[in-house]
N, C-alpha and C. Protein backbone atom coordinates (compact mmCIF):
# COMPACT_ATOMS: atom_id res chain seq x y z
N MET A 1 47.43 -124.19 128.61
CA MET A 1 46.62 -125.22 129.07
C MET A 1 45.58 -124.54 130.87
N GLY A 2 44.59 -125.47 129.28
CA GLY A 2 42.98 -124.80 130.17
C GLY A 2 42.52 -125.27 132.29
N THR A 3 41.67 -124.96 132.13
CA THR A 3 41.89 -125.15 133.79
C THR A 3 41.49 -126.68 134.02
N VAL A 4 40.62 -127.37 132.66
CA VAL A 4 40.12 -128.38 132.98
C VAL A 4 41.66 -130.09 133.07
N GLN A 5 42.25 -129.16 132.23
CA GLN A 5 43.19 -129.78 132.24
C GLN A 5 44.41 -129.89 132.72
N ARG A 6 44.95 -128.47 133.57
CA ARG A 6 45.25 -128.57 134.69
C ARG A 6 45.15 -128.76 135.93
N ALA A 7 43.91 -129.39 136.33
CA ALA A 7 43.30 -129.80 137.29
C ALA A 7 43.80 -131.38 136.83
N ALA A 8 42.86 -132.01 135.94
CA ALA A 8 43.75 -133.61 135.58
C ALA A 8 44.47 -133.34 135.56
N LEU A 9 45.51 -132.81 135.37
CA LEU A 9 47.21 -132.96 135.82
C LEU A 9 47.50 -133.06 136.97
N GLY A 10 47.31 -132.04 137.70
CA GLY A 10 47.10 -131.70 138.93
C GLY A 10 46.47 -133.64 139.52
N GLY A 11 45.70 -133.39 139.26
CA GLY A 11 44.76 -135.05 139.59
C GLY A 11 45.67 -135.91 139.49
N LEU A 12 46.00 -136.45 138.03
CA LEU A 12 47.49 -137.17 138.38
C LEU A 12 47.88 -137.75 139.05
N ALA A 13 48.87 -136.34 139.04
CA ALA A 13 50.07 -136.59 139.83
C ALA A 13 50.48 -136.71 141.56
N GLY A 14 48.89 -135.81 141.94
CA GLY A 14 48.44 -135.49 143.66
C GLY A 14 49.05 -137.46 143.33
N THR A 15 47.65 -138.10 142.71
CA THR A 15 46.70 -139.51 142.83
C THR A 15 48.81 -140.94 143.09
N ILE A 16 49.26 -140.45 142.36
CA ILE A 16 50.49 -140.47 142.19
C ILE A 16 51.15 -140.10 143.39
N ALA A 17 51.64 -139.66 143.94
CA ALA A 17 52.05 -138.53 145.36
C ALA A 17 51.01 -139.54 146.79
N MET A 18 49.76 -139.38 146.44
CA MET A 18 49.54 -140.00 147.25
C MET A 18 49.61 -141.79 147.59
N GLY A 19 49.28 -142.25 145.86
CA GLY A 19 50.36 -143.62 146.01
C GLY A 19 51.05 -144.23 146.40
N THR A 20 51.87 -143.11 146.14
CA THR A 20 53.14 -143.61 146.22
C THR A 20 53.97 -143.85 148.41
N LEU A 21 52.84 -142.93 149.14
CA LEU A 21 53.26 -142.53 150.09
C LEU A 21 52.61 -143.70 150.12
N LEU A 22 51.41 -144.33 150.50
CA LEU A 22 50.37 -145.06 150.97
C LEU A 22 51.59 -146.84 150.90
N VAL A 23 52.06 -146.49 149.94
CA VAL A 23 52.63 -147.85 149.56
C VAL A 23 53.98 -147.89 150.00
N LEU A 24 54.51 -147.20 150.49
CA LEU A 24 55.39 -146.68 151.50
C LEU A 24 55.42 -146.85 152.42
N LEU A 25 54.70 -145.75 153.07
CA LEU A 25 54.32 -146.27 155.02
C LEU A 25 53.95 -147.47 154.86
N GLU A 26 53.30 -148.48 154.35
CA GLU A 26 52.68 -150.00 154.27
C GLU A 26 53.47 -150.47 154.72
N VAL A 27 54.88 -149.96 153.88
CA VAL A 27 56.17 -151.22 153.66
C VAL A 27 56.93 -151.40 154.51
N GLN A 28 57.40 -149.45 154.90
CA GLN A 28 58.16 -149.10 156.05
C GLN A 28 57.38 -150.11 158.07
N MET A 29 55.89 -149.95 158.12
CA MET A 29 56.26 -149.87 159.24
C MET A 29 55.45 -151.77 159.34
N ARG A 30 55.39 -152.01 158.21
CA ARG A 30 55.41 -153.85 157.96
C ARG A 30 54.19 -154.29 158.31
N THR A 31 52.75 -153.23 158.11
CA THR A 31 51.30 -153.50 158.86
C THR A 31 50.41 -152.81 157.42
N ARG A 32 49.66 -153.89 157.41
CA ARG A 32 48.65 -153.89 156.51
C ARG A 32 47.23 -152.75 156.75
N LEU A 33 47.54 -151.65 156.68
CA LEU A 33 46.43 -150.78 157.45
C LEU A 33 44.97 -150.97 156.13
N LEU A 34 45.62 -151.63 155.20
CA LEU A 34 43.43 -152.07 153.80
C LEU A 34 42.83 -150.93 153.19
N LEU A 35 43.87 -149.80 152.94
CA LEU A 35 43.36 -148.76 153.00
C LEU A 35 42.19 -148.79 151.75
N PHE A 36 43.03 -149.40 150.99
CA PHE A 36 41.99 -149.78 149.59
C PHE A 36 40.75 -151.02 150.14
N GLU A 37 41.71 -151.43 150.70
CA GLU A 37 40.38 -152.49 151.18
C GLU A 37 38.93 -152.01 151.79
N ALA A 38 38.76 -150.36 151.81
CA ALA A 38 38.27 -149.61 152.98
C ALA A 38 37.49 -148.89 151.90
N VAL A 39 38.20 -149.10 151.02
CA VAL A 39 37.83 -148.26 149.22
C VAL A 39 37.07 -149.15 148.60
N ALA A 40 37.37 -150.33 148.47
CA ALA A 40 35.88 -151.77 148.06
C ALA A 40 34.95 -151.72 148.71
N ARG A 41 35.05 -151.83 149.88
CA ARG A 41 33.85 -151.86 150.27
C ARG A 41 33.60 -151.00 150.89
N PHE A 42 33.36 -149.65 150.10
CA PHE A 42 32.81 -148.06 150.49
C PHE A 42 31.97 -148.38 149.46
N PHE A 43 32.39 -148.52 148.33
CA PHE A 43 31.53 -148.97 147.10
C PHE A 43 30.87 -150.57 146.43
N GLN A 44 30.89 -150.81 147.83
CA GLN A 44 29.76 -152.58 147.75
C GLN A 44 30.35 -153.65 146.93
N VAL A 45 32.07 -153.83 147.24
CA VAL A 45 32.73 -154.66 146.60
C VAL A 45 33.92 -155.50 147.78
N PRO A 46 33.59 -155.68 149.01
CA PRO A 46 34.61 -156.00 150.15
C PRO A 46 35.45 -157.14 149.94
N GLY A 47 36.84 -156.60 150.42
CA GLY A 47 37.75 -159.02 149.73
C GLY A 47 38.09 -157.75 147.97
N ARG A 48 37.27 -156.64 147.55
CA ARG A 48 38.90 -156.58 146.46
C ARG A 48 39.43 -155.27 146.23
N ALA A 49 40.91 -155.64 146.74
CA ALA A 49 41.36 -154.57 147.13
C ALA A 49 41.89 -154.14 145.67
N ASP A 50 42.04 -154.85 144.59
CA ASP A 50 42.33 -154.09 143.57
C ASP A 50 41.62 -153.12 142.65
N LEU A 51 39.41 -153.63 143.06
CA LEU A 51 38.95 -152.38 142.73
C LEU A 51 38.99 -150.93 143.90
N GLY A 52 39.27 -151.42 144.42
CA GLY A 52 39.87 -150.37 145.42
C GLY A 52 40.73 -149.28 145.14
N VAL A 53 42.00 -150.34 144.07
CA VAL A 53 42.96 -148.96 143.25
C VAL A 53 42.77 -148.49 142.17
N VAL A 54 41.66 -148.99 141.22
CA VAL A 54 41.21 -148.73 140.26
C VAL A 54 40.10 -147.01 140.48
N LEU A 55 39.28 -147.62 142.21
CA LEU A 55 38.28 -146.85 141.61
C LEU A 55 38.97 -144.97 142.92
N ALA A 56 40.28 -145.73 143.83
CA ALA A 56 40.63 -144.42 144.03
C ALA A 56 41.47 -143.51 143.12
N GLY A 57 41.82 -144.73 142.85
CA GLY A 57 42.62 -143.95 141.09
C GLY A 57 41.48 -142.98 140.52
N LEU A 58 40.36 -143.23 140.61
CA LEU A 58 39.48 -142.77 139.46
C LEU A 58 38.95 -141.75 139.37
N PHE A 59 38.71 -141.48 141.15
CA PHE A 59 38.50 -140.51 141.99
C PHE A 59 39.38 -139.59 141.97
N GLY A 60 40.58 -139.51 142.27
CA GLY A 60 41.29 -138.54 142.58
C GLY A 60 42.33 -138.69 141.25
N VAL A 61 41.95 -138.65 139.68
CA VAL A 61 42.19 -138.30 138.20
C VAL A 61 40.96 -137.52 137.85
N VAL A 62 39.95 -138.55 138.29
CA VAL A 62 39.14 -138.11 137.04
C VAL A 62 37.77 -137.01 137.43
N VAL A 63 37.02 -137.63 139.10
CA VAL A 63 36.40 -136.76 139.73
C VAL A 63 36.57 -135.03 140.37
N TRP A 64 37.52 -135.95 141.54
CA TRP A 64 37.80 -134.41 142.21
C TRP A 64 38.79 -133.63 141.79
N PRO A 65 39.57 -133.91 141.16
CA PRO A 65 40.46 -132.88 140.07
C PRO A 65 39.13 -131.63 139.96
N PRO A 66 38.45 -132.09 138.54
CA PRO A 66 37.23 -130.38 137.99
C PRO A 66 36.80 -129.89 139.27
N ILE A 67 36.09 -130.62 140.66
CA ILE A 67 35.63 -130.26 141.56
C ILE A 67 36.25 -129.31 142.90
N PHE A 68 37.53 -129.74 142.61
CA PHE A 68 38.63 -129.00 143.42
C PHE A 68 38.67 -127.40 141.98
N ALA A 69 38.62 -127.84 140.68
CA ALA A 69 39.34 -126.66 140.38
C ALA A 69 37.70 -125.38 140.42
N ALA A 70 36.47 -126.22 140.71
CA ALA A 70 35.79 -125.79 140.40
C ALA A 70 34.91 -125.23 141.58
N LEU A 71 35.68 -124.64 142.40
CA LEU A 71 35.49 -124.52 144.63
C LEU A 71 37.34 -123.77 145.06
N GLU A 72 38.23 -124.06 144.25
CA GLU A 72 39.21 -122.97 144.18
C GLU A 72 39.74 -122.02 144.61
N PRO A 73 38.46 -121.09 144.18
CA PRO A 73 38.49 -119.47 144.12
C PRO A 73 38.17 -119.04 145.58
N TYR A 74 37.45 -120.00 145.83
CA TYR A 74 36.32 -120.00 147.15
C TYR A 74 37.28 -120.47 148.03
N LEU A 75 38.38 -121.54 148.06
CA LEU A 75 38.67 -121.73 148.67
C LEU A 75 39.64 -120.68 149.76
N PRO A 76 40.08 -120.69 150.45
CA PRO A 76 41.18 -120.64 151.54
C PRO A 76 42.43 -120.91 151.77
N PRO A 77 43.45 -120.18 151.80
CA PRO A 77 44.31 -118.90 151.10
C PRO A 77 44.08 -119.15 149.96
N GLU A 78 44.78 -117.68 149.00
CA GLU A 78 45.19 -117.84 147.52
C GLU A 78 45.65 -118.63 147.20
N ASP A 79 47.59 -119.33 148.45
CA ASP A 79 47.92 -120.35 147.53
C ASP A 79 47.47 -121.28 146.57
N PRO A 80 47.40 -121.67 145.90
CA PRO A 80 46.36 -123.16 145.39
C PRO A 80 46.94 -124.31 145.86
N ALA A 81 48.24 -124.25 146.55
CA ALA A 81 49.14 -125.87 146.73
C ALA A 81 48.19 -125.88 148.64
N VAL A 82 47.35 -125.08 148.92
CA VAL A 82 47.46 -124.75 150.13
C VAL A 82 45.78 -125.69 150.07
N SER A 83 45.43 -124.16 149.31
CA SER A 83 44.28 -124.89 148.80
C SER A 83 43.50 -125.90 148.11
N GLY A 84 44.78 -127.11 147.90
CA GLY A 84 44.66 -128.33 147.76
C GLY A 84 44.57 -128.68 149.33
N MET A 85 45.59 -128.19 149.42
CA MET A 85 45.11 -129.43 151.15
C MET A 85 44.54 -128.67 152.03
N VAL A 86 43.83 -128.39 151.85
CA VAL A 86 42.18 -128.17 152.09
C VAL A 86 41.24 -128.43 151.86
N PHE A 87 41.50 -128.52 150.59
CA PHE A 87 40.28 -129.15 149.24
C PHE A 87 40.25 -130.02 150.39
N ALA A 88 41.61 -131.14 150.00
CA ALA A 88 42.09 -132.95 149.93
C ALA A 88 41.52 -133.22 152.12
N ALA A 89 41.25 -132.26 152.64
CA ALA A 89 41.43 -132.24 154.45
C ALA A 89 39.32 -132.85 154.05
N GLY A 90 39.11 -131.87 153.78
CA GLY A 90 37.36 -132.51 153.49
C GLY A 90 38.01 -133.30 152.91
N LEU A 91 37.78 -134.07 151.84
CA LEU A 91 38.42 -135.58 151.61
C LEU A 91 38.25 -136.54 152.66
N TRP A 92 39.55 -135.69 152.97
CA TRP A 92 39.84 -136.93 154.26
C TRP A 92 39.03 -136.77 155.07
N VAL A 93 38.36 -136.05 155.84
CA VAL A 93 37.31 -136.08 156.73
C VAL A 93 35.83 -136.94 155.99
N ALA A 94 35.59 -137.19 154.93
CA ALA A 94 34.74 -138.09 154.34
C ALA A 94 35.16 -139.18 154.05
N PHE A 95 36.31 -139.47 154.11
CA PHE A 95 36.84 -141.31 153.59
C PHE A 95 37.27 -141.19 155.44
N VAL A 96 37.40 -140.61 156.50
CA VAL A 96 37.08 -141.59 157.57
C VAL A 96 35.79 -141.49 157.68
N ALA A 97 34.41 -140.61 157.75
CA ALA A 97 33.79 -141.29 158.02
C ALA A 97 32.98 -142.00 157.67
N LEU A 98 32.84 -142.54 156.16
CA LEU A 98 32.62 -143.29 155.54
C LEU A 98 33.15 -143.98 155.35
N ALA A 99 34.71 -144.70 155.03
CA ALA A 99 35.18 -145.38 155.12
C ALA A 99 35.64 -146.40 155.82
N THR A 100 35.84 -145.96 157.19
CA THR A 100 36.91 -146.52 158.24
C THR A 100 35.81 -147.30 159.36
N THR A 101 35.44 -148.44 158.82
CA THR A 101 35.11 -149.10 159.31
C THR A 101 36.54 -150.45 160.06
N GLU A 102 36.73 -151.00 159.83
CA GLU A 102 36.87 -152.10 160.28
C GLU A 102 38.63 -152.47 161.19
N VAL A 103 38.88 -150.80 161.33
CA VAL A 103 40.45 -150.12 161.58
C VAL A 103 40.48 -150.68 163.57
N THR A 104 41.40 -151.49 163.98
CA THR A 104 41.33 -151.87 165.03
C THR A 104 41.67 -150.40 166.18
N VAL A 105 41.27 -150.25 167.41
CA VAL A 105 41.69 -149.38 168.26
C VAL A 105 43.47 -148.79 168.17
N VAL A 106 44.04 -149.90 168.77
CA VAL A 106 44.95 -149.87 168.37
C VAL A 106 45.49 -149.24 167.18
N LEU A 107 45.22 -149.93 166.02
CA LEU A 107 45.36 -149.27 164.71
C LEU A 107 45.29 -147.67 164.36
N LEU A 108 44.28 -147.73 164.88
CA LEU A 108 42.61 -145.81 164.49
C LEU A 108 44.49 -144.84 164.11
N PRO A 109 44.77 -144.75 165.63
CA PRO A 109 45.67 -143.62 165.88
C PRO A 109 46.71 -143.75 164.50
N LEU A 110 47.22 -144.83 164.02
CA LEU A 110 48.50 -144.95 162.91
C LEU A 110 47.56 -144.68 161.23
N TYR A 111 45.91 -145.09 161.25
CA TYR A 111 45.93 -145.04 159.90
C TYR A 111 45.19 -143.51 160.19
N LEU A 112 44.24 -143.18 161.34
CA LEU A 112 43.74 -141.20 160.43
C LEU A 112 45.30 -140.56 160.83
N THR A 113 46.42 -140.43 160.97
CA THR A 113 48.19 -139.48 160.48
C THR A 113 48.27 -140.91 159.93
N VAL A 114 48.05 -141.71 159.18
CA VAL A 114 48.02 -141.87 157.62
C VAL A 114 47.34 -141.80 156.58
N THR A 115 46.27 -141.90 157.01
CA THR A 115 45.42 -141.91 155.65
C THR A 115 45.54 -139.95 155.34
N LEU A 116 45.76 -139.52 156.80
CA LEU A 116 45.44 -137.62 156.19
C LEU A 116 46.98 -137.45 156.43
N LEU A 117 48.01 -137.92 156.11
CA LEU A 117 49.02 -137.75 155.94
C LEU A 117 49.21 -137.71 154.58
N ALA A 118 48.64 -138.93 154.23
CA ALA A 118 48.22 -138.87 152.27
C ALA A 118 47.34 -138.11 152.08
N HIS A 119 46.48 -137.80 151.76
CA HIS A 119 45.36 -136.79 151.64
C HIS A 119 46.06 -135.20 151.43
N LEU A 120 46.35 -135.56 152.62
CA LEU A 120 47.25 -133.44 152.44
C LEU A 120 48.63 -133.94 151.32
N ALA A 121 49.34 -134.90 150.93
CA ALA A 121 49.41 -135.09 150.12
C ALA A 121 48.92 -134.83 148.64
N TYR A 122 48.07 -135.25 148.50
CA TYR A 122 47.56 -135.32 147.28
C TYR A 122 47.01 -133.72 147.40
N GLY A 123 46.09 -132.95 147.76
CA GLY A 123 46.00 -132.11 147.78
C GLY A 123 47.01 -131.14 147.63
N PHE A 124 48.10 -130.89 148.56
CA PHE A 124 49.34 -129.56 148.16
C PHE A 124 49.82 -130.24 146.25
N THR A 125 50.04 -131.53 146.19
CA THR A 125 50.06 -131.88 144.75
C THR A 125 49.39 -131.39 143.80
N LEU A 126 47.88 -131.85 143.78
CA LEU A 126 47.13 -131.41 142.94
C LEU A 126 47.00 -129.87 143.42
N GLY A 127 47.14 -129.10 144.12
CA GLY A 127 47.10 -127.55 143.82
C GLY A 127 48.62 -126.97 143.87
N SER A 128 49.25 -127.53 143.71
CA SER A 128 50.65 -127.14 142.83
C SER A 128 50.49 -126.98 141.34
N VAL A 129 49.98 -128.53 140.65
CA VAL A 129 49.44 -128.70 139.36
C VAL A 129 48.91 -128.23 139.13
N TYR A 130 47.72 -127.47 139.50
CA TYR A 130 46.54 -127.07 139.14
C TYR A 130 47.30 -125.34 138.88
N GLY A 131 48.24 -125.22 140.04
CA GLY A 131 48.12 -123.11 139.86
C GLY A 131 49.38 -123.01 139.63
N TRP A 132 50.41 -123.85 138.98
CA TRP A 132 51.45 -123.99 137.86
C TRP A 132 51.62 -123.22 136.36
N THR A 133 52.26 -122.81 136.50
CA THR A 133 51.76 -121.43 135.22
C THR A 133 53.30 -122.06 133.96
N PRO A 134 53.16 -122.36 133.25
CA PRO A 134 55.07 -123.12 132.66
C PRO A 134 55.00 -121.27 132.15
N ALA A 135 56.50 -121.66 132.12
CA ALA A 135 57.08 -120.09 132.13
C ALA A 135 56.80 -119.48 130.08
N SER A 136 55.98 -119.94 129.62
CA SER A 136 55.87 -120.06 128.60
C SER A 136 54.67 -119.28 127.94
N GLU A 137 53.95 -118.97 128.44
CA GLU A 137 52.42 -119.36 129.51
C GLU A 137 52.27 -117.94 129.92
N ALA A 138 53.69 -117.97 131.10
CA ALA A 138 53.70 -116.03 132.05
C ALA A 138 54.33 -114.82 130.97
N ASP A 139 55.70 -115.51 130.58
CA ASP A 139 56.07 -114.51 129.96
C ASP A 139 55.14 -114.30 128.16
N ALA A 140 54.08 -115.19 127.84
CA ALA A 140 53.78 -114.32 126.93
C ALA A 140 53.21 -112.87 126.72
N PRO A 141 53.03 -112.13 125.94
CA PRO A 141 52.12 -110.65 125.97
C PRO A 141 51.03 -110.66 126.04
N ALA A 142 50.16 -109.70 126.18
CA ALA A 142 48.84 -109.23 127.04
C ALA A 142 48.40 -109.30 126.09
N PRO A 143 46.83 -110.35 125.25
CA PRO A 143 46.45 -109.85 123.94
C PRO A 143 46.03 -108.64 124.27
N ASP A 144 45.52 -108.28 122.39
CA ASP A 144 45.21 -106.43 122.19
C ASP A 144 44.16 -106.39 122.47
N VAL A 145 43.64 -105.96 123.34
CA VAL A 145 42.18 -105.79 123.60
C VAL A 145 41.03 -105.25 123.10
N GLU A 146 42.18 -104.02 122.49
CA GLU A 146 41.55 -102.58 122.07
C GLU A 146 41.29 -103.16 120.44
N GLY A 147 41.89 -104.17 120.39
CA GLY A 147 41.51 -104.45 118.49
C GLY A 147 42.53 -103.50 117.11
N SER A 148 44.01 -102.95 118.18
CA SER A 148 44.59 -102.18 117.09
C SER A 148 45.04 -102.63 116.38
N GLY A 149 45.67 -103.33 116.02
CA GLY A 149 46.99 -104.97 116.31
C GLY A 149 47.69 -104.19 116.64
N ARG A 150 48.55 -103.13 117.30
CA ARG A 150 49.84 -102.92 116.87
C ARG A 150 50.52 -103.10 117.67
């Protein structure tokens, strides 16, 4: 499986993990954090949480994974899962700076904690799937470099 395919698969898995975590946390806390509304506001479509979900999914699966794949060799450390978390922490900083506008002071600590944990879950999953090599590929014999065919 190629780099782009691994990154896209990691992005899909990470987006599912992040979305599941956000939904579970919102249900358990019995409060609305309006995360997808924040994404919609950022893209100039306020009040359209449905578009916020679609845009978050699109970025999580299509936009961020190839950028991660390009940056992964330069991210610390050498473990792709941790590199994914470093990458996602950067995404979280950008999200908080650009999309957090209508959060009350009372909810701000909770909002920051939940969004950070969700982004770290996305990054961990993205990096883990990206760095995973199937056993069939890991056990495959090395290609014949000299061309001897033996």
